[in-house]
PDB file of N, CA and C in Angstrom:
ATOM      1  N   MET A   1      11.818   4.339 -15.641  1.00  0.00           N
ATOM      2  CA  MET A   1      12.479   4.576 -14.375  1.00  0.00           C
ATOM      3  C   MET A   1      13.940   4.853 -14.660  1.00  0.00           C
ATOM      4  N   ALA A   2      14.483   5.757 -13.931  1.00  0.00           N
ATOM      5  CA  ALA A   2      15.885   6.115 -14.116  1.00  0.00           C
ATOM      6  C   ALA A   2      16.778   5.089 -13.421  1.00  0.00           C
ATOM      7  N   SER A   3      17.801   5.523 -12.776  1.00  0.00           N
ATOM      8  CA  SER A   3      18.764   4.614 -12.167  1.00  0.00           C
ATOM      9  C   SER A   3      18.215   3.908 -10.938  1.00  0.00           C
ATOM     10  N   GLY A   4      17.198   4.481 -10.299  1.00  0.00           N
ATOM     11  CA  GLY A   4      16.652   3.895  -9.086  1.00  0.00           C
ATOM     12  C   GLY A   4      17.329   4.397  -7.838  1.00  0.00           C
ATOM     13  N   ILE A   5      18.325   5.212  -8.016  1.00  0.00           N
ATOM     14  CA  ILE A   5      19.047   5.777  -6.869  1.00  0.00           C
ATOM     15  C   ILE A   5      18.726   7.248  -6.797  1.00  0.00           C
ATOM     16  N   GLY A   6      18.152   7.648  -5.684  1.00  0.00           N
ATOM     17  CA  GLY A   6      17.761   9.034  -5.493  1.00  0.00           C
ATOM     18  C   GLY A   6      18.549   9.684  -4.383  1.00  0.00           C
ATOM     19  N   PHE A   7      18.035  10.794  -3.906  1.00  0.00           N
ATOM     20  CA  PHE A   7      18.679  11.581  -2.866  1.00  0.00           C
ATOM     21  C   PHE A   7      18.869  10.779  -1.582  1.00  0.00           C
ATOM     22  N   LYS A   8      17.887   9.959  -1.244  1.00  0.00           N
ATOM     23  CA  LYS A   8      17.932   9.194   0.006  1.00  0.00           C
ATOM     24  C   LYS A   8      18.356   7.747  -0.207  1.00  0.00           C
ATOM     25  N   GLY A   9      18.939   7.429  -1.325  1.00  0.00           N
ATOM     26  CA  GLY A   9      19.389   6.074  -1.577  1.00  0.00           C
ATOM     27  C   GLY A   9      18.543   5.380  -2.626  1.00  0.00           C
ATOM     28  N   THR A  10      18.567   4.059  -2.598  1.00  0.00           N
ATOM     29  CA  THR A  10      17.856   3.268  -3.589  1.00  0.00           C
ATOM     30  C   THR A  10      16.359   3.290  -3.318  1.00  0.00           C
ATOM     31  N   ASN A  11      15.570   3.430  -4.364  1.00  0.00           N
ATOM     32  CA  ASN A  11      14.124   3.409  -4.281  1.00  0.00           C
ATOM     33  C   ASN A  11      13.678   2.029  -3.803  1.00  0.00           C
ATOM     34  N   ARG A  12      12.632   1.965  -2.982  1.00  0.00           N
ATOM     35  CA  ARG A  12      12.186   0.683  -2.423  1.00  0.00           C
ATOM     36  C   ARG A  12      11.653  -0.260  -3.487  1.00  0.00           C
ATOM     37  N   CYS A  13      11.189   0.270  -4.615  1.00  0.00           N
ATOM     38  CA  CYS A  13      10.629  -0.564  -5.679  1.00  0.00           C
ATOM     39  C   CYS A  13      11.641  -0.904  -6.769  1.00  0.00           C
ATOM     40  N   PHE A  14      12.832  -0.385  -6.658  1.00  0.00           N
ATOM     41  CA  PHE A  14      13.828  -0.599  -7.703  1.00  0.00           C
ATOM     42  C   PHE A  14      14.163  -2.074  -7.917  1.00  0.00           C
ATOM     43  N   PRO A  15      14.273  -2.904  -6.874  1.00  0.00           N
ATOM     44  CA  PRO A  15      14.536  -4.333  -7.127  1.00  0.00           C
ATOM     45  C   PRO A  15      13.429  -4.999  -7.955  1.00  0.00           C
ATOM     46  N   PHE A  16      12.177  -4.592  -7.735  1.00  0.00           N
ATOM     47  CA  PHE A  16      11.076  -5.134  -8.525  1.00  0.00           C
ATOM     48  C   PHE A  16      11.180  -4.676  -9.983  1.00  0.00           C
ATOM     49  N   TRP A  17      11.593  -3.427 -10.169  1.00  0.00           N
ATOM     50  CA  TRP A  17      11.787  -2.904 -11.520  1.00  0.00           C
ATOM     51  C   TRP A  17      12.895  -3.679 -12.240  1.00  0.00           C
ATOM     52  N   GLU A  18      13.980  -3.959 -11.531  1.00  0.00           N
ATOM     53  CA  GLU A  18      15.082  -4.706 -12.138  1.00  0.00           C
ATOM     54  C   GLU A  18      14.631  -6.110 -12.556  1.00  0.00           C
ATOM     55  N   ASP A  19      13.832  -6.759 -11.695  1.00  0.00           N
ATOM     56  CA  ASP A  19      13.322  -8.091 -12.033  1.00  0.00           C
ATOM     57  C   ASP A  19      12.451  -8.030 -13.281  1.00  0.00           C
ATOM     58  N   TYR A  20      11.572  -7.054 -13.338  1.00  0.00           N
ATOM     59  CA  TYR A  20      10.689  -6.911 -14.498  1.00  0.00           C
ATOM     60  C   TYR A  20      11.495  -6.594 -15.755  1.00  0.00           C
ATOM     61  N   GLN A  21      12.442  -5.709 -15.646  1.00  0.00           N
ATOM     62  CA  GLN A  21      13.267  -5.320 -16.795  1.00  0.00           C
ATOM     63  C   GLN A  21      14.083  -6.516 -17.312  1.00  0.00           C
ATOM     64  N   GLN A  22      14.641  -7.270 -16.400  1.00  0.00           N
ATOM     65  CA  GLN A  22      15.418  -8.446 -16.791  1.00  0.00           C
ATOM     66  C   GLN A  22      14.524  -9.457 -17.516  1.00  0.00           C
ATOM     67  N   CYS A  23      13.328  -9.682 -16.987  1.00  0.00           N
ATOM     68  CA  CYS A  23      12.393 -10.604 -17.625  1.00  0.00           C
ATOM     69  C   CYS A  23      11.985 -10.087 -19.002  1.00  0.00           C
ATOM     70  N   TYR A  24      11.708  -8.799 -19.077  1.00  0.00           N
ATOM     71  CA  TYR A  24      11.239  -8.187 -20.329  1.00  0.00           C
ATOM     72  C   TYR A  24      12.269  -8.353 -21.449  1.00  0.00           C
ATOM     73  N   PHE A  25      13.515  -8.075 -21.143  1.00  0.00           N
ATOM     74  CA  PHE A  25      14.548  -8.134 -22.183  1.00  0.00           C
ATOM     75  C   PHE A  25      15.017  -9.555 -22.488  1.00  0.00           C
ATOM     76  N   SER A  26      14.792 -10.485 -21.571  1.00  0.00           N
ATOM     77  CA  SER A  26      15.197 -11.864 -21.841  1.00  0.00           C
ATOM     78  C   SER A  26      14.050 -12.700 -22.406  1.00  0.00           C
ATOM     79  N   SER A  27      12.866 -12.113 -22.494  1.00  0.00           N
ATOM     80  CA  SER A  27      11.693 -12.835 -22.976  1.00  0.00           C
ATOM     81  C   SER A  27      11.748 -13.013 -24.493  1.00  0.00           C
ATOM     82  N   ASN A  28      11.383 -14.209 -24.942  1.00  0.00           N
ATOM     83  CA  ASN A  28      11.308 -14.477 -26.372  1.00  0.00           C
ATOM     84  C   ASN A  28       9.923 -14.185 -26.923  1.00  0.00           C
ATOM     85  N   ASP A  29       8.958 -14.061 -26.051  1.00  0.00           N
ATOM     86  CA  ASP A  29       7.579 -13.786 -26.433  1.00  0.00           C
ATOM     87  C   ASP A  29       7.426 -12.310 -26.783  1.00  0.00           C
ATOM     88  N   LYS A  30       6.818 -11.998 -27.920  1.00  0.00           N
ATOM     89  CA  LYS A  30       6.671 -10.596 -28.336  1.00  0.00           C
ATOM     90  C   LYS A  30       5.716  -9.825 -27.435  1.00  0.00           C
ATOM     91  N   THR A  31       4.751 -10.517 -26.836  1.00  0.00           N
ATOM     92  CA  THR A  31       3.797  -9.828 -25.956  1.00  0.00           C
ATOM     93  C   THR A  31       4.324  -9.710 -24.528  1.00  0.00           C
ATOM     94  N   HIS A  32       5.394 -10.410 -24.208  1.00  0.00           N
ATOM     95  CA  HIS A  32       6.012 -10.395 -22.867  1.00  0.00           C
ATOM     96  C   HIS A  32       5.014 -10.821 -21.794  1.00  0.00           C
ATOM     97  N   SER A  33       4.086 -11.704 -22.152  1.00  0.00           N
ATOM     98  CA  SER A  33       3.068 -12.150 -21.201  1.00  0.00           C
ATOM     99  C   SER A  33       3.674 -12.977 -20.068  1.00  0.00           C
ATOM    100  N   ASP A  34       4.830 -13.568 -20.291  1.00  0.00           N
ATOM    101  CA  ASP A  34       5.473 -14.338 -19.228  1.00  0.00           C
ATOM    102  C   ASP A  34       6.034 -13.439 -18.129  1.00  0.00           C
ATOM    103  N   CYS A  35       6.070 -12.145 -18.380  1.00  0.00           N
ATOM    104  CA  CYS A  35       6.583 -11.192 -17.385  1.00  0.00           C
ATOM    105  C   CYS A  35       5.467 -10.553 -16.556  1.00  0.00           C
ATOM    106  N   SER A  36       4.247 -11.015 -16.719  1.00  0.00           N
ATOM    107  CA  SER A  36       3.120 -10.428 -15.990  1.00  0.00           C
ATOM    108  C   SER A  36       3.297 -10.465 -14.468  1.00  0.00           C
ATOM    109  N   PRO A  37       3.749 -11.575 -13.881  1.00  0.00           N
ATOM    110  CA  PRO A  37       3.924 -11.568 -12.421  1.00  0.00           C
ATOM    111  C   PRO A  37       4.943 -10.523 -11.946  1.00  0.00           C
ATOM    112  N   ALA A  38       6.033 -10.383 -12.668  1.00  0.00           N
ATOM    113  CA  ALA A  38       7.049  -9.390 -12.285  1.00  0.00           C
ATOM    114  C   ALA A  38       6.492  -7.974 -12.423  1.00  0.00           C
ATOM    115  N   ARG A  39       5.704  -7.752 -13.473  1.00  0.00           N
ATOM    116  CA  ARG A  39       5.091  -6.433 -13.680  1.00  0.00           C
ATOM    117  C   ARG A  39       4.087  -6.133 -12.569  1.00  0.00           C
ATOM    118  N   GLU A  40       3.282  -7.134 -12.201  1.00  0.00           N
ATOM    119  CA  GLU A  40       2.315  -6.961 -11.116  1.00  0.00           C
ATOM    120  C   GLU A  40       3.009  -6.632  -9.801  1.00  0.00           C
ATOM    121  N   ASP A  41       4.104  -7.316  -9.513  1.00  0.00           N
ATOM    122  CA  ASP A  41       4.851  -7.047  -8.280  1.00  0.00           C
ATOM    123  C   ASP A  41       5.366  -5.615  -8.262  1.00  0.00           C
ATOM    124  N   TYR A  42       5.891  -5.163  -9.382  1.00  0.00           N
ATOM    125  CA  TYR A  42       6.411  -3.801  -9.462  1.00  0.00           C
ATOM    126  C   TYR A  42       5.299  -2.773  -9.276  1.00  0.00           C
ATOM    127  N   LEU A  43       4.171  -2.968  -9.952  1.00  0.00           N
ATOM    128  CA  LEU A  43       3.064  -2.018  -9.831  1.00  0.00           C
ATOM    129  C   LEU A  43       2.454  -2.047  -8.435  1.00  0.00           C
ATOM    130  N   GLU A  44       2.411  -3.224  -7.810  1.00  0.00           N
ATOM    131  CA  GLU A  44       1.913  -3.310  -6.434  1.00  0.00           C
ATOM    132  C   GLU A  44       2.830  -2.547  -5.477  1.00  0.00           C
ATOM    133  N   CYS A  45       4.116  -2.648  -5.702  1.00  0.00           N
ATOM    134  CA  CYS A  45       5.064  -1.912  -4.874  1.00  0.00           C
ATOM    135  C   CYS A  45       4.851  -0.404  -5.011  1.00  0.00           C
ATOM    136  N   LEU A  46       4.586   0.042  -6.221  1.00  0.00           N
ATOM    137  CA  LEU A  46       4.393   1.477  -6.452  1.00  0.00           C
ATOM    138  C   LEU A  46       3.066   1.990  -5.896  1.00  0.00           C
ATOM    139  N   HIS A  47       1.975   1.263  -6.162  1.00  0.00           N
ATOM    140  CA  HIS A  47       0.647   1.818  -5.915  1.00  0.00           C
ATOM    141  C   HIS A  47      -0.164   1.127  -4.822  1.00  0.00           C
ATOM    142  N   HIS A  48       0.228  -0.064  -4.406  1.00  0.00           N
ATOM    143  CA  HIS A  48      -0.449  -0.798  -3.318  1.00  0.00           C
ATOM    144  C   HIS A  48      -1.923  -1.087  -3.611  1.00  0.00           C
ATOM    145  N   PHE A  49      -2.282  -1.368  -4.860  1.00  0.00           N
ATOM    146  CA  PHE A  49      -3.670  -1.632  -5.219  1.00  0.00           C
ATOM    147  C   PHE A  49      -4.245  -2.818  -4.450  1.00  0.00           C
ATOM    148  N   LYS A  50      -3.521  -3.912  -4.397  1.00  0.00           N
ATOM    149  CA  LYS A  50      -4.006  -5.123  -3.729  1.00  0.00           C
ATOM    150  C   LYS A  50      -4.092  -4.912  -2.221  1.00  0.00           C
ATOM    151  N   GLU A  51      -3.119  -4.233  -1.680  1.00  0.00           N
ATOM    152  CA  GLU A  51      -3.122  -3.970  -0.239  1.00  0.00           C
ATOM    153  C   GLU A  51      -4.321  -3.107   0.146  1.00  0.00           C
ATOM    154  N   ILE A  52      -4.583  -2.070  -0.628  1.00  0.00           N
ATOM    155  CA  ILE A  52      -5.705  -1.177  -0.353  1.00  0.00           C
ATOM    156  C   ILE A  52      -7.023  -1.934  -0.476  1.00  0.00           C
ATOM    157  N   ALA A  53      -7.145  -2.783  -1.491  1.00  0.00           N
ATOM    158  CA  ALA A  53      -8.371  -3.571  -1.661  1.00  0.00           C
ATOM    159  C   ALA A  53      -8.578  -4.502  -0.475  1.00  0.00           C
ATOM    160  N   ARG A  54      -7.515  -5.103   0.006  1.00  0.00           N
ATOM    161  CA  ARG A  54      -7.631  -6.009   1.155  1.00  0.00           C
ATOM    162  C   ARG A  54      -8.038  -5.251   2.417  1.00  0.00           C
ATOM    163  N   VAL A  55      -7.469  -4.082   2.643  1.00  0.00           N
ATOM    164  CA  VAL A  55      -7.829  -3.277   3.816  1.00  0.00           C
ATOM    165  C   VAL A  55      -9.295  -2.876   3.735  1.00  0.00           C
ATOM    166  N   ARG A  56      -9.754  -2.482   2.554  1.00  0.00           N
ATOM    167  CA  ARG A  56     -11.163  -2.105   2.402  1.00  0.00           C
ATOM    168  C   ARG A  56     -12.086  -3.289   2.653  1.00  0.00           C
ATOM    169  N   ALA A  57     -11.698  -4.470   2.209  1.00  0.00           N
ATOM    170  CA  ALA A  57     -12.515  -5.663   2.443  1.00  0.00           C
ATOM    171  C   ALA A  57     -12.586  -5.972   3.935  1.00  0.00           C
ATOM    172  N   ILE A  58     -11.471  -5.858   4.626  1.00  0.00           N
ATOM    173  CA  ILE A  58     -11.438  -6.092   6.075  1.00  0.00           C
ATOM    174  C   ILE A  58     -12.313  -5.069   6.789  1.00  0.00           C
ATOM    175  N   GLN A  59     -12.232  -3.810   6.379  1.00  0.00           N
ATOM    176  CA  GLN A  59     -13.041  -2.770   7.010  1.00  0.00           C
ATOM    177  C   GLN A  59     -14.531  -2.995   6.765  1.00  0.00           C
ATOM    178  N   ALA A  60     -14.890  -3.487   5.588  1.00  0.00           N
ATOM    179  CA  ALA A  60     -16.293  -3.761   5.294  1.00  0.00           C
ATOM    180  C   ALA A  60     -16.830  -4.868   6.200  1.00  0.00           C
ATOM    181  N   VAL A  61     -16.035  -5.907   6.406  1.00  0.00           N
ATOM    182  CA  VAL A  61     -16.450  -6.988   7.298  1.00  0.00           C
ATOM    183  C   VAL A  61     -16.558  -6.477   8.730  1.00  0.00           C
ATOM    184  N   GLU A  62     -15.638  -5.633   9.131  1.00  0.00           N
ATOM    185  CA  GLU A  62     -15.697  -5.050  10.472  1.00  0.00           C
ATOM    186  C   GLU A  62     -16.978  -4.239  10.660  1.00  0.00           C
ATOM    187  N   ARG A  63     -17.338  -3.469   9.647  1.00  0.00           N
ATOM    188  CA  ARG A  63     -18.569  -2.673   9.741  1.00  0.00           C
ATOM    189  C   ARG A  63     -19.799  -3.582   9.827  1.00  0.00           C
ATOM    190  N   GLN A  64     -19.801  -4.676   9.063  1.00  0.00           N
ATOM    191  CA  GLN A  64     -20.911  -5.626   9.124  1.00  0.00           C
ATOM    192  C   GLN A  64     -20.999  -6.257  10.511  1.00  0.00           C
ATOM    193  N   ASN A  65     -19.866  -6.651  11.051  1.00  0.00           N
ATOM    194  CA  ASN A  65     -19.847  -7.249  12.391  1.00  0.00           C
ATOM    195  C   ASN A  65     -20.330  -6.258  13.444  1.00  0.00           C
ATOM    196  N   TYR A  66     -19.954  -4.999  13.277  1.00  0.00           N
ATOM    197  CA  TYR A  66     -20.377  -3.956  14.208  1.00  0.00           C
ATOM    198  C   TYR A  66     -21.891  -3.778  14.136  1.00  0.00           C
ATOM    199  N   ALA A  67     -22.428  -3.737  12.919  1.00  0.00           N
ATOM    200  CA  ALA A  67     -23.867  -3.554  12.751  1.00  0.00           C
ATOM    201  C   ALA A  67     -24.630  -4.751  13.344  1.00  0.00           C
ATOM    202  N   LYS A  68     -24.135  -5.961  13.116  1.00  0.00           N
ATOM    203  CA  LYS A  68     -24.779  -7.162  13.660  1.00  0.00           C
ATOM    204  C   LYS A  68     -24.724  -7.162  15.185  1.00  0.00           C
ATOM    205  N   SER A  69     -23.584  -6.776  15.749  1.00  0.00           N
ATOM    206  CA  SER A  69     -23.457  -6.787  17.207  1.00  0.00           C
ATOM    207  C   SER A  69     -24.335  -5.721  17.836  1.00  0.00           C
ATOM    208  N   LYS A  70     -24.491  -4.607  17.155  1.00  0.00           N
ATOM    209  CA  LYS A  70     -25.354  -3.553  17.679  1.00  0.00           C
ATOM    210  C   LYS A  70     -26.813  -4.022  17.675  1.00  0.00           C
ATOM    211  N   ALA A  71     -27.200  -4.753  16.618  1.00  0.00           N
ATOM    212  CA  ALA A  71     -28.558  -5.279  16.536  1.00  0.00           C
ATOM    213  C   ALA A  71     -28.798  -6.350  17.598  1.00  0.00           C
ATOM    214  N   ASN A  72     -27.777  -7.133  17.933  1.00  0.00           N
ATOM    215  CA  ASN A  72     -27.901  -8.190  18.940  1.00  0.00           C
ATOM    216  C   ASN A  72     -27.692  -7.680  20.357  1.00  0.00           C
ATOM    217  N   GLY A  73     -27.193  -6.482  20.496  1.00  0.00           N
ATOM    218  CA  GLY A  73     -26.942  -5.920  21.812  1.00  0.00           C
ATOM    219  C   GLY A  73     -25.604  -6.314  22.406  1.00  0.00           C
ATOM    220  N   THR A  74     -24.727  -6.923  21.617  1.00  0.00           N
ATOM    221  CA  THR A  74     -23.396  -7.279  22.111  1.00  0.00           C
ATOM    222  C   THR A  74     -22.434  -6.135  21.813  1.00  0.00           C
ATOM    223  N   ASP A  75     -21.263  -6.214  22.415  1.00  0.00           N
ATOM    224  CA  ASP A  75     -20.278  -5.141  22.258  1.00  0.00           C
ATOM    225  C   ASP A  75     -19.191  -5.586  21.283  1.00  0.00           C
ATOM    226  N   HIS A  76     -19.141  -4.960  20.123  1.00  0.00           N
ATOM    227  CA  HIS A  76     -18.116  -5.242  19.111  1.00  0.00           C
ATOM    228  C   HIS A  76     -17.517  -3.913  18.678  1.00  0.00           C
ATOM    229  N   LYS A  77     -16.245  -3.753  18.865  1.00  0.00           N
ATOM    230  CA  LYS A  77     -15.587  -2.502  18.506  1.00  0.00           C
ATOM    231  C   LYS A  77     -14.975  -2.613  17.110  1.00  0.00           C
ATOM    232  N   ILE A  78     -14.972  -1.506  16.408  1.00  0.00           N
ATOM    233  CA  ILE A  78     -14.363  -1.473  15.081  1.00  0.00           C
ATOM    234  C   ILE A  78     -12.888  -1.136  15.241  1.00  0.00           C
ATOM    235  N   ILE A  79     -12.055  -1.941  14.609  1.00  0.00           N
ATOM    236  CA  ILE A  79     -10.618  -1.707  14.633  1.00  0.00           C
ATOM    237  C   ILE A  79     -10.280  -0.800  13.465  1.00  0.00           C
ATOM    238  N   SER A  80      -9.635   0.306  13.746  1.00  0.00           N
ATOM    239  CA  SER A  80      -9.265   1.223  12.680  1.00  0.00           C
ATOM    240  C   SER A  80      -7.825   0.975  12.280  1.00  0.00           C
ATOM    241  N   LEU A  81      -7.621   0.734  11.000  1.00  0.00           N
ATOM    242  CA  LEU A  81      -6.272   0.506  10.487  1.00  0.00           C
ATOM    243  C   LEU A  81      -5.592   1.803  10.076  1.00  0.00           C
ATOM    244  N   THR A  82      -6.358   2.896  10.068  1.00  0.00           N
ATOM    245  CA  THR A  82      -5.804   4.174   9.640  1.00  0.00           C
ATOM    246  C   THR A  82      -5.566   5.132  10.794  1.00  0.00           C
ATOM    247  N   GLY A  83      -5.874   4.707  12.002  1.00  0.00           N
ATOM    248  CA  GLY A  83      -5.645   5.557  13.164  1.00  0.00           C
ATOM    249  C   GLY A  83      -6.856   6.394  13.531  1.00  0.00           C
ATOM    250  N   GLU A  84      -7.959   6.289  12.768  1.00  0.00           N
ATOM    251  CA  GLU A  84      -9.165   7.037  13.079  1.00  0.00           C
ATOM    252  C   GLU A  84      -9.905   6.349  14.205  1.00  0.00           C
ATOM    253  N   LYS A  85     -10.683   7.094  14.944  1.00  0.00           N
ATOM    254  CA  LYS A  85     -11.476   6.499  16.022  1.00  0.00           C
ATOM    255  C   LYS A  85     -12.885   6.246  15.507  1.00  0.00           C
ATOM    256  N   GLY A  86     -13.416   5.053  15.821  1.00  0.00           N
ATOM    257  CA  GLY A  86     -14.771   4.721  15.386  1.00  0.00           C
ATOM    258  C   GLY A  86     -14.823   4.407  13.915  1.00  0.00           C
ATOM    259  N   ALA A  87     -16.021   4.512  13.375  1.00  0.00           N
ATOM    260  CA  ALA A  87     -16.170   4.259  11.941  1.00  0.00           C
ATOM    261  C   ALA A  87     -17.199   5.155  11.344  1.00  0.00           C
TER     262      ALA A  87
END
C-alpha cells in the first residue's frame, strides 16, 4: 500500500494498514503470527469476507423460514438486504 492518501482523501482501510504495519515491524516473532488479528482486520476492511458470509447465512435462514411458512400456510416475507424484491 502506498501512502494511503488518494484523490478523495485518506483510504478507509488505511488505519487498519497502519496498525498491521506497526505490529509487523515491532514483532519479534519471525512468522509474525502475533499480527494475525491486525492482518484479518485489514483484509476484512478491504474485501468484507466475513460480512458477506454473515449476510449469506442470514439470507439462507430467511429462505428456510419462507419455505416453512409457505408449507404451513402462514405469511412470512423475505427481507432483502440488497434491495431486490422477493427471493
